[in-house]
N, C-alpha and C. Protein backbone atom coordinates (compact mmCIF):
# COMPACT_ATOMS: atom_id res chain seq x y z
N MET A 1 18.60 17.38 -18.66
CA MET A 1 17.21 18.21 -17.80
C MET A 1 16.57 19.04 -18.45
N PRO A 2 15.28 18.70 -18.21
CA PRO A 2 14.31 19.41 -19.32
C PRO A 2 14.28 21.15 -18.84
N VAL A 3 13.93 21.83 -20.05
CA VAL A 3 13.93 23.21 -19.84
C VAL A 3 12.60 23.72 -20.12
N VAL A 4 11.93 24.40 -19.22
CA VAL A 4 10.43 24.89 -19.25
C VAL A 4 10.46 26.20 -19.06
N ARG A 5 9.76 26.89 -20.09
CA ARG A 5 9.68 28.59 -19.79
C ARG A 5 11.00 29.04 -19.38
N GLY A 6 12.02 28.57 -19.90
CA GLY A 6 13.33 28.95 -19.76
C GLY A 6 14.11 28.87 -18.54
N LYS A 7 13.60 27.97 -17.71
CA LYS A 7 13.82 27.34 -16.70
C LYS A 7 14.60 25.68 -16.52
N ASP A 8 15.67 25.79 -15.88
CA ASP A 8 16.26 24.46 -15.80
C ASP A 8 15.31 23.75 -14.62
N ILE A 9 14.95 22.45 -14.73
CA ILE A 9 14.19 21.74 -13.83
C ILE A 9 14.84 20.35 -13.76
N ASP A 10 15.32 19.96 -12.73
CA ASP A 10 15.66 18.56 -12.23
C ASP A 10 14.98 17.63 -12.07
N VAL A 11 14.64 16.88 -12.77
CA VAL A 11 13.69 15.52 -12.65
C VAL A 11 13.98 14.89 -11.36
N LEU A 12 12.97 14.89 -10.20
CA LEU A 12 13.31 14.21 -9.05
C LEU A 12 12.63 12.90 -9.22
N PHE A 13 11.02 12.74 -9.54
CA PHE A 13 10.40 11.49 -9.95
C PHE A 13 9.70 11.57 -11.26
N SER A 14 9.85 10.98 -12.23
CA SER A 14 9.61 10.90 -13.33
C SER A 14 8.35 10.34 -14.02
N ALA A 15 7.82 10.66 -14.65
CA ALA A 15 6.26 10.15 -15.22
C ALA A 15 6.13 8.56 -14.87
N SER A 16 7.12 7.99 -15.57
CA SER A 16 6.79 6.48 -15.25
C SER A 16 7.22 6.11 -13.83
N THR A 17 7.77 6.71 -13.15
CA THR A 17 8.09 6.15 -11.73
C THR A 17 7.02 6.51 -10.96
N ILE A 18 6.15 7.70 -11.47
CA ILE A 18 4.78 8.04 -10.78
C ILE A 18 3.85 7.16 -11.26
N ALA A 19 3.85 6.95 -12.24
CA ALA A 19 2.72 6.07 -12.77
C ALA A 19 2.77 4.36 -12.09
N ARG A 20 4.16 3.75 -11.94
CA ARG A 20 4.10 2.37 -11.24
C ARG A 20 3.66 2.61 -9.90
N ARG A 21 4.12 3.61 -9.25
CA ARG A 21 3.76 4.12 -7.82
C ARG A 21 2.56 4.14 -7.59
N ASN A 22 1.80 4.69 -8.55
CA ASN A 22 0.36 5.13 -8.01
C ASN A 22 -0.48 3.76 -8.34
N LEU A 23 -0.10 2.84 -8.87
CA LEU A 23 -0.42 1.42 -9.45
C LEU A 23 -0.53 0.59 -8.07
N GLU A 24 0.55 0.85 -7.63
CA GLU A 24 1.06 -0.11 -6.14
C GLU A 24 0.31 0.71 -4.93
N LEU A 25 0.22 2.10 -4.65
CA LEU A 25 -0.69 2.62 -3.88
C LEU A 25 -2.15 2.47 -3.84
N ALA A 26 -2.78 1.92 -5.12
CA ALA A 26 -4.10 1.71 -5.85
C ALA A 26 -4.27 0.65 -4.99
N LYS A 27 -3.27 -0.47 -4.90
CA LYS A 27 -3.53 -1.95 -4.84
C LYS A 27 -3.39 -1.80 -3.08
N GLU A 28 -2.53 -0.89 -2.38
CA GLU A 28 -2.35 -0.99 -1.16
C GLU A 28 -4.00 -0.28 -0.72
N ILE A 29 -4.44 0.79 -1.02
CA ILE A 29 -5.92 1.18 -1.03
C ILE A 29 -6.65 0.10 -0.86
N ALA A 30 -6.69 -0.30 -2.43
CA ALA A 30 -8.03 -1.35 -2.41
C ALA A 30 -7.98 -2.73 -1.60
N ALA A 31 -6.73 -2.98 -0.71
CA ALA A 31 -6.51 -4.10 0.00
C ALA A 31 -7.22 -3.90 1.43
N ARG A 32 -7.56 -2.34 1.46
CA ARG A 32 -8.16 -1.89 3.02
C ARG A 32 -9.45 -2.57 3.03
N ASP A 33 -10.39 -2.44 1.93
CA ASP A 33 -11.65 -3.04 1.71
C ASP A 33 -12.63 -1.96 2.70
N TYR A 34 -12.38 -0.74 2.00
CA TYR A 34 -13.17 0.32 2.63
C TYR A 34 -14.85 -0.36 2.19
N ASP A 35 -15.60 -0.08 2.92
CA ASP A 35 -16.91 -0.14 2.92
C ASP A 35 -17.87 0.79 2.06
N ASP A 36 -17.59 2.10 2.10
CA ASP A 36 -18.31 3.01 1.60
C ASP A 36 -17.66 4.18 1.28
N LEU A 37 -16.52 4.03 0.26
CA LEU A 37 -15.10 5.12 0.06
C LEU A 37 -15.69 6.09 -0.60
N LEU A 38 -15.19 7.08 0.17
CA LEU A 38 -15.57 8.78 -0.43
C LEU A 38 -13.89 9.28 -0.63
N VAL A 39 -13.51 9.43 -1.80
CA VAL A 39 -12.14 9.96 -2.04
C VAL A 39 -12.63 11.42 -2.05
N VAL A 40 -11.70 12.18 -1.31
CA VAL A 40 -11.85 14.08 -1.20
C VAL A 40 -10.26 14.39 -1.72
N SER A 41 -10.31 14.79 -2.71
CA SER A 41 -9.14 15.35 -3.29
C SER A 41 -8.83 16.76 -2.74
N ILE A 42 -7.82 17.21 -1.97
CA ILE A 42 -7.78 18.55 -1.65
C ILE A 42 -6.87 19.45 -2.84
N LEU A 43 -7.71 20.40 -3.07
CA LEU A 43 -7.11 21.41 -4.27
C LEU A 43 -6.36 22.44 -3.97
N LYS A 44 -5.59 22.83 -4.50
CA LYS A 44 -5.53 22.64 -5.94
C LYS A 44 -4.12 21.62 -6.48
N GLY A 45 -3.36 21.67 -5.59
CA GLY A 45 -2.12 20.49 -5.75
C GLY A 45 -2.32 19.13 -6.06
N SER A 46 -3.28 18.50 -5.46
CA SER A 46 -3.46 16.92 -5.79
C SER A 46 -4.40 16.47 -6.91
N PHE A 47 -4.97 17.84 -7.83
CA PHE A 47 -5.39 17.40 -8.86
C PHE A 47 -5.22 16.14 -9.85
N ILE A 48 -4.03 16.22 -10.09
CA ILE A 48 -3.31 15.39 -11.43
C ILE A 48 -3.16 13.80 -10.68
N PHE A 49 -2.51 13.96 -9.24
CA PHE A 49 -2.19 12.76 -8.52
C PHE A 49 -3.74 12.23 -8.31
N ALA A 50 -4.59 12.88 -7.88
CA ALA A 50 -5.68 12.18 -7.26
C ALA A 50 -6.69 11.65 -8.68
N ALA A 51 -6.51 12.38 -9.61
CA ALA A 51 -6.98 11.66 -11.11
C ALA A 51 -6.21 10.62 -11.33
N ASP A 52 -5.08 10.38 -11.38
CA ASP A 52 -4.36 9.40 -11.52
C ASP A 52 -4.74 7.92 -10.60
N LEU A 53 -4.72 8.61 -9.56
CA LEU A 53 -4.66 7.44 -8.54
C LEU A 53 -6.09 6.93 -8.23
N ILE A 54 -7.20 7.73 -8.86
CA ILE A 54 -8.56 7.62 -8.76
C ILE A 54 -9.14 6.18 -9.83
N ARG A 55 -8.24 6.74 -11.03
CA ARG A 55 -8.18 5.73 -11.97
C ARG A 55 -7.90 4.44 -12.00
N ALA A 56 -6.41 4.18 -11.21
CA ALA A 56 -5.94 3.25 -10.83
C ALA A 56 -6.67 2.49 -9.87
N LEU A 57 -7.43 3.04 -8.88
CA LEU A 57 -8.49 2.33 -7.86
C LEU A 57 -9.49 1.61 -9.01
N HIS A 58 -9.89 2.48 -9.88
CA HIS A 58 -10.95 1.65 -10.71
C HIS A 58 -10.55 0.53 -11.71
N ASP A 59 -9.02 0.58 -11.97
CA ASP A 59 -8.53 -0.41 -12.52
C ASP A 59 -8.46 -1.70 -11.47
N MET A 60 -8.56 -1.55 -10.37
CA MET A 60 -8.33 -2.41 -9.14
C MET A 60 -10.06 -2.72 -8.56
N GLY A 61 -10.57 -2.40 -9.32
CA GLY A 61 -12.17 -3.08 -9.28
C GLY A 61 -13.01 -1.80 -8.23
N GLN A 62 -12.36 -0.77 -7.96
CA GLN A 62 -12.92 0.12 -7.10
C GLN A 62 -14.00 1.03 -7.42
N SER A 63 -15.01 1.46 -6.81
CA SER A 63 -15.75 2.81 -7.67
C SER A 63 -16.24 3.90 -6.61
N PRO A 64 -14.99 4.14 -5.72
CA PRO A 64 -15.26 5.35 -5.07
C PRO A 64 -15.79 6.62 -5.67
N GLU A 65 -16.73 7.19 -4.49
CA GLU A 65 -17.33 8.52 -5.00
C GLU A 65 -16.09 9.43 -4.96
N VAL A 66 -16.50 10.67 -5.63
CA VAL A 66 -15.07 11.46 -5.78
C VAL A 66 -15.52 13.09 -5.30
N GLU A 67 -15.03 13.58 -4.38
CA GLU A 67 -15.20 15.06 -4.23
C GLU A 67 -14.21 15.93 -4.12
N PHE A 68 -13.93 17.12 -3.96
CA PHE A 68 -12.92 18.16 -4.25
C PHE A 68 -13.41 19.05 -2.93
N ILE A 69 -12.19 19.54 -2.25
CA ILE A 69 -12.30 20.58 -1.35
C ILE A 69 -11.33 21.36 -1.63
N PHE A 70 -11.26 22.61 -1.31
CA PHE A 70 -10.18 23.66 -1.99
C PHE A 70 -10.07 24.15 -0.37
N ILE A 71 -8.88 23.82 0.10
CA ILE A 71 -8.15 24.31 1.23
C ILE A 71 -6.68 25.15 1.04
N SER A 72 -7.24 26.46 1.70
CA SER A 72 -6.08 27.39 1.75
C SER A 72 -4.82 27.39 3.29
N SER A 73 -4.08 27.18 2.80
CA SER A 73 -2.86 26.86 4.03
C SER A 73 -1.73 28.03 3.89
N TYR A 74 -1.68 28.64 2.81
CA TYR A 74 -0.55 29.63 2.54
C TYR A 74 -1.16 30.98 2.66
N GLY A 75 -0.20 31.81 3.12
CA GLY A 75 -0.45 33.03 3.75
C GLY A 75 0.28 33.85 2.48
N THR A 76 1.44 34.47 2.61
CA THR A 76 1.87 35.13 1.77
C THR A 76 3.41 34.15 1.33
N GLY A 77 3.84 34.10 0.03
CA GLY A 77 4.91 33.16 -0.25
C GLY A 77 4.82 31.84 -0.16
N THR A 78 5.96 31.14 0.81
CA THR A 78 5.63 29.63 0.56
C THR A 78 5.68 29.34 2.00
N THR A 79 5.10 30.24 2.91
CA THR A 79 5.32 29.98 4.39
C THR A 79 3.75 29.78 5.06
N SER A 80 3.73 28.58 5.35
CA SER A 80 2.48 28.10 5.97
C SER A 80 1.90 29.21 6.69
N GLY A 81 0.49 29.46 6.82
CA GLY A 81 -0.07 30.17 7.37
C GLY A 81 -1.68 29.82 8.01
N GLU A 82 -2.64 30.07 8.14
CA GLU A 82 -4.00 30.10 8.65
C GLU A 82 -4.49 29.30 7.80
N VAL A 83 -5.00 28.16 8.17
CA VAL A 83 -5.76 27.11 7.18
C VAL A 83 -7.25 27.27 7.28
N ARG A 84 -7.87 27.27 5.92
CA ARG A 84 -9.32 27.60 6.29
C ARG A 84 -10.02 27.04 4.71
N VAL A 85 -11.17 26.68 4.99
CA VAL A 85 -12.01 26.09 3.56
C VAL A 85 -12.40 27.16 2.78
N LEU A 86 -11.89 27.15 1.65
CA LEU A 86 -12.21 28.20 0.54
C LEU A 86 -13.45 27.70 -0.31
N ARG A 87 -13.62 26.20 -0.54
CA ARG A 87 -14.73 25.54 -1.09
C ARG A 87 -14.87 24.11 -0.67
N ASP A 88 -16.10 23.84 0.00
CA ASP A 88 -16.44 22.73 0.67
C ASP A 88 -16.94 21.56 -0.24
N ILE A 89 -16.90 20.39 0.46
CA ILE A 89 -17.42 19.48 -0.27
C ILE A 89 -19.00 19.35 -0.40
N ASP A 90 -19.95 18.61 -1.24
CA ASP A 90 -21.27 18.40 -1.06
C ASP A 90 -21.62 17.23 -0.22
N ASN A 91 -20.96 16.51 -0.51
CA ASN A 91 -21.49 14.89 0.12
C ASN A 91 -21.57 15.09 1.78
N GLU A 92 -22.33 14.25 2.22
CA GLU A 92 -22.38 13.74 3.43
C GLU A 92 -21.20 12.96 3.77
N VAL A 93 -20.65 12.85 4.82
CA VAL A 93 -19.41 11.89 5.24
C VAL A 93 -19.94 11.14 6.50
N ALA A 94 -20.88 11.20 7.25
CA ALA A 94 -21.28 10.69 8.33
C ALA A 94 -21.12 9.09 8.18
N GLY A 95 -20.60 8.26 8.55
CA GLY A 95 -20.80 6.83 8.87
C GLY A 95 -20.10 6.29 7.37
N ARG A 96 -19.25 7.08 6.70
CA ARG A 96 -18.64 6.89 5.38
C ARG A 96 -17.05 6.80 5.87
N ASP A 97 -16.63 5.71 4.72
CA ASP A 97 -14.96 5.92 4.97
C ASP A 97 -14.26 6.91 4.05
N VAL A 98 -13.42 7.80 4.58
CA VAL A 98 -13.00 8.63 3.58
C VAL A 98 -11.42 8.77 3.24
N LEU A 99 -11.20 8.86 2.31
CA LEU A 99 -9.59 8.86 1.88
C LEU A 99 -9.54 10.50 1.27
N LEU A 100 -8.48 11.25 2.26
CA LEU A 100 -7.87 12.42 1.87
C LEU A 100 -6.76 12.17 0.69
N ILE A 101 -7.14 12.85 -0.21
CA ILE A 101 -5.82 12.68 -1.37
C ILE A 101 -4.86 14.18 -1.69
N ASP A 102 -3.71 14.09 -1.07
CA ASP A 102 -3.09 15.32 -1.16
C ASP A 102 -1.77 15.28 -2.10
N ASP A 103 -1.41 16.27 -2.25
CA ASP A 103 0.10 16.39 -3.17
C ASP A 103 1.09 16.19 -2.56
N ILE A 104 1.27 16.75 -1.01
CA ILE A 104 2.55 16.76 -0.50
C ILE A 104 2.14 16.89 1.27
N LEU A 105 2.68 15.89 2.06
CA LEU A 105 2.51 16.24 3.43
C LEU A 105 3.61 16.83 4.02
N GLU A 106 3.64 18.04 4.19
CA GLU A 106 5.00 18.86 4.89
C GLU A 106 4.53 19.26 6.35
N SER A 107 4.00 20.17 6.31
CA SER A 107 3.85 20.78 7.83
C SER A 107 3.09 19.75 8.67
N GLY A 108 1.75 19.47 7.87
CA GLY A 108 0.84 18.60 8.18
C GLY A 108 -0.41 19.29 8.71
N LYS A 109 -0.50 20.62 8.42
CA LYS A 109 -1.32 21.55 9.09
C LYS A 109 -2.76 21.29 8.44
N THR A 110 -2.63 21.49 6.99
CA THR A 110 -3.48 21.24 6.26
C THR A 110 -4.54 19.75 6.49
N LEU A 111 -3.52 19.00 6.17
CA LEU A 111 -4.30 17.57 6.19
C LEU A 111 -4.76 17.18 7.73
N ARG A 112 -3.96 17.68 8.82
CA ARG A 112 -4.77 17.61 9.88
C ARG A 112 -6.36 18.17 10.11
N PHE A 113 -6.01 19.41 9.84
CA PHE A 113 -7.50 20.45 9.83
C PHE A 113 -8.37 19.68 9.09
N THR A 114 -8.01 19.25 7.90
CA THR A 114 -8.93 18.28 6.63
C THR A 114 -9.55 17.08 7.61
N ARG A 115 -8.41 16.40 8.06
CA ARG A 115 -8.80 15.11 8.43
C ARG A 115 -9.75 15.40 9.95
N GLU A 116 -9.51 16.30 10.73
CA GLU A 116 -10.59 16.46 11.79
C GLU A 116 -11.60 17.38 11.59
N LEU A 117 -11.79 17.99 10.44
CA LEU A 117 -13.31 18.14 9.80
C LEU A 117 -14.01 17.36 9.32
N MET A 118 -13.36 16.08 8.83
CA MET A 118 -14.11 14.87 8.41
C MET A 118 -14.60 13.77 9.36
N LEU A 119 -13.92 14.09 10.57
CA LEU A 119 -14.14 13.07 11.68
C LEU A 119 -15.13 14.06 12.54
N GLU A 120 -15.42 15.09 12.55
CA GLU A 120 -16.23 16.20 13.47
C GLU A 120 -17.51 15.65 12.49
N ARG A 121 -17.44 15.73 11.12
CA ARG A 121 -18.88 15.57 10.30
C ARG A 121 -19.22 13.87 10.58
N GLY A 122 -18.34 13.14 11.48
CA GLY A 122 -19.15 11.92 11.21
C GLY A 122 -18.44 10.99 10.52
N ALA A 123 -17.26 11.19 9.91
CA ALA A 123 -17.02 10.17 9.08
C ALA A 123 -16.30 8.95 10.12
N ARG A 124 -16.65 7.65 9.31
CA ARG A 124 -16.56 6.47 10.00
C ARG A 124 -14.78 6.05 10.18
N SER A 125 -14.19 6.59 9.34
CA SER A 125 -12.67 6.53 9.05
C SER A 125 -12.60 7.65 8.15
N VAL A 126 -11.08 8.04 8.47
CA VAL A 126 -10.41 8.76 7.71
C VAL A 126 -8.90 8.51 7.43
N SER A 127 -8.56 7.95 6.01
CA SER A 127 -7.26 7.80 5.67
C SER A 127 -6.88 8.93 4.70
N ILE A 128 -5.46 8.63 4.68
CA ILE A 128 -4.79 9.84 3.86
C ILE A 128 -3.75 9.19 2.98
N ALA A 129 -3.78 9.70 1.82
CA ALA A 129 -2.72 9.05 0.82
C ALA A 129 -2.30 10.61 0.32
N VAL A 130 -0.72 10.83 0.20
CA VAL A 130 -0.13 11.84 -0.54
C VAL A 130 0.86 11.28 -1.28
N LEU A 131 1.01 11.95 -2.30
CA LEU A 131 2.03 11.55 -3.49
C LEU A 131 3.57 11.70 -2.47
N LEU A 132 3.83 13.11 -2.08
CA LEU A 132 5.38 13.22 -1.34
C LEU A 132 5.26 13.54 0.07
N ASP A 133 5.92 12.81 1.13
CA ASP A 133 5.93 13.20 2.51
C ASP A 133 7.47 13.83 2.70
N LYS A 134 7.11 15.09 3.13
CA LYS A 134 8.36 15.34 3.72
C LYS A 134 8.30 15.54 5.07
N ARG A 135 9.03 14.41 5.89
CA ARG A 135 9.10 14.25 7.22
C ARG A 135 9.43 15.33 8.09
N GLY A 136 10.62 16.00 7.49
CA GLY A 136 11.67 16.84 8.19
C GLY A 136 11.01 18.24 8.41
N LYS A 137 9.89 18.19 7.81
CA LYS A 137 9.20 19.85 7.93
C LYS A 137 7.91 19.64 8.80
N ARG A 138 7.58 18.29 9.21
CA ARG A 138 6.40 18.21 10.06
C ARG A 138 6.23 19.39 11.43
N GLN A 139 5.46 19.83 11.56
CA GLN A 139 5.02 20.61 12.62
C GLN A 139 4.12 20.32 13.64
N THR A 140 3.39 19.21 13.13
CA THR A 140 2.32 18.36 13.92
C THR A 140 2.57 17.15 13.74
N GLU A 141 1.87 16.33 14.79
CA GLU A 141 2.08 14.77 14.72
C GLU A 141 0.84 14.43 13.91
N LEU A 142 1.35 13.76 12.51
CA LEU A 142 0.71 13.30 11.52
C LEU A 142 1.09 12.58 10.57
N ASP A 143 0.91 11.16 10.37
CA ASP A 143 1.39 10.58 9.00
C ASP A 143 0.56 9.98 8.19
N ALA A 144 0.85 9.68 7.06
CA ALA A 144 -0.21 9.50 5.71
C ALA A 144 -0.19 8.22 6.07
N ASP A 145 -1.63 7.63 5.54
CA ASP A 145 -1.40 6.28 5.45
C ASP A 145 -0.82 5.54 4.36
N PHE A 146 -0.99 6.18 3.24
CA PHE A 146 -0.45 5.82 1.77
C PHE A 146 0.45 7.11 1.27
N VAL A 147 1.81 6.45 1.14
CA VAL A 147 2.86 7.72 0.61
C VAL A 147 3.19 7.11 -0.41
N GLY A 148 3.20 7.97 -1.60
CA GLY A 148 3.92 7.68 -2.98
C GLY A 148 5.69 7.84 -2.58
N PHE A 149 5.97 8.82 -2.08
CA PHE A 149 7.57 8.88 -1.93
C PHE A 149 7.98 10.05 -1.01
N ASP A 150 9.17 9.41 -0.37
CA ASP A 150 9.76 10.20 0.55
C ASP A 150 10.49 11.45 -0.17
N CYS A 151 10.13 12.57 0.22
CA CYS A 151 10.71 13.77 -0.60
C CYS A 151 12.00 14.69 0.16
N PRO A 152 12.78 14.60 -0.49
CA PRO A 152 13.75 15.86 0.02
C PRO A 152 13.41 16.90 0.39
N ASP A 153 14.26 17.90 0.88
CA ASP A 153 14.11 19.13 1.46
C ASP A 153 14.16 20.27 0.28
N TYR A 154 13.39 19.85 -0.97
CA TYR A 154 13.20 20.82 -1.95
C TYR A 154 11.95 21.31 -2.20
N PHE A 155 11.70 22.57 -2.83
CA PHE A 155 10.54 23.18 -3.27
C PHE A 155 10.47 22.53 -4.74
N VAL A 156 9.15 21.89 -4.77
CA VAL A 156 9.03 20.62 -5.93
C VAL A 156 7.96 21.49 -6.74
N VAL A 157 7.72 21.11 -7.86
CA VAL A 157 6.78 21.58 -8.78
C VAL A 157 6.42 20.19 -10.21
N GLY A 158 5.56 20.14 -10.53
CA GLY A 158 4.83 19.48 -11.57
C GLY A 158 4.07 18.56 -11.03
N TYR A 159 3.52 17.75 -11.74
CA TYR A 159 2.44 17.08 -11.29
C TYR A 159 1.34 17.29 -10.46
N GLY A 160 0.86 18.85 -11.14
CA GLY A 160 -0.09 19.43 -10.09
C GLY A 160 0.41 20.64 -9.37
N MET A 161 1.57 20.34 -8.71
CA MET A 161 2.41 21.53 -7.85
C MET A 161 2.72 22.73 -8.61
N ASP A 162 2.72 23.91 -7.93
CA ASP A 162 3.25 25.07 -9.07
C ASP A 162 4.20 25.87 -7.96
N VAL A 163 4.63 26.76 -8.68
CA VAL A 163 5.43 27.73 -8.09
C VAL A 163 5.04 29.04 -8.75
N ALA A 164 4.16 29.95 -8.14
CA ALA A 164 4.15 31.09 -8.54
C ALA A 164 2.81 30.85 -9.63
N HIS A 165 1.93 30.03 -9.52
CA HIS A 165 0.94 29.39 -10.63
C HIS A 165 1.74 28.84 -11.63
N ALA A 166 2.88 28.42 -11.76
CA ALA A 166 3.69 27.92 -12.72
C ALA A 166 4.09 26.29 -12.59
N PHE A 167 4.11 25.76 -14.04
CA PHE A 167 5.04 24.50 -13.96
C PHE A 167 3.94 23.33 -13.09
N ARG A 168 2.32 23.72 -12.92
CA ARG A 168 1.50 22.47 -12.54
C ARG A 168 1.23 21.27 -13.69
N GLU A 169 1.55 21.89 -15.04
CA GLU A 169 1.28 20.79 -16.22
C GLU A 169 2.30 19.70 -16.33
N LEU A 170 3.43 20.03 -15.61
CA LEU A 170 4.32 18.98 -16.13
C LEU A 170 4.36 17.44 -15.53
N PRO A 171 4.61 16.28 -16.43
CA PRO A 171 4.43 15.30 -16.08
C PRO A 171 5.18 14.38 -15.18
N PHE A 172 6.22 14.90 -14.64
CA PHE A 172 6.80 14.86 -13.51
C PHE A 172 7.01 15.44 -12.42
N VAL A 173 7.62 15.20 -11.18
CA VAL A 173 8.03 16.01 -10.10
C VAL A 173 9.40 16.61 -10.08
N GLY A 174 9.62 17.78 -10.21
CA GLY A 174 10.71 18.62 -10.35
C GLY A 174 11.45 19.31 -9.47
N VAL A 175 12.57 19.91 -9.68
CA VAL A 175 13.09 21.08 -8.81
C VAL A 175 13.62 21.73 -9.57
N VAL A 176 13.26 22.98 -9.65
CA VAL A 176 13.53 24.44 -10.55
C VAL A 176 14.82 24.77 -9.97
N THR A 177 15.83 25.02 -10.60
CA THR A 177 17.04 25.37 -10.23
C THR A 177 17.34 26.86 -10.80
N GLY A 178 18.13 27.45 -9.98
CA GLY A 178 18.46 28.96 -10.28
C GLY A 178 17.03 29.60 -9.81
N ASP A 179 16.49 30.84 -10.31
CA ASP A 179 15.77 31.57 -9.89
C ASP A 179 14.49 31.43 -10.58
N ALA A 180 13.54 30.78 -9.79
CA ALA A 180 12.30 30.38 -10.28
C ALA A 180 11.33 31.66 -10.53
């Protein structure tokens, strides 16, 4: 069990397991044969997953355009609240295939909001890729098109995900044991 900043962290998905799954996801995405693909990474938590997945897509011969959107869906603590755009994308989505990339699909509020926003702007299609899917936490009907792993009901950190701005840099997904 790794110890980071004095906290014990149980590894849920190792760096090598994530790397293998990213290659598999890239193959699944490339097989869709999107026409004019725009990848939109939802910040902050997805930045590492998005970077690795986009590089894997490149290795599959794909050259998507990449954008970033900063969506906030957390009020206080870890309870999901109002969804709003803090920083929008710069490119037009009208007539394009959009792939939203996020770290985790939990309540579904953030991804549903972002998907509907892209469709309202005229996207031809909107697909969703997530590293983790917590189906038991869903508060809206929404499924991802591409899922790295089904995630048990733990508060996870690492690989871009944080708790109180800590642990994003970890190369694996883990669970902080004890007081985070």
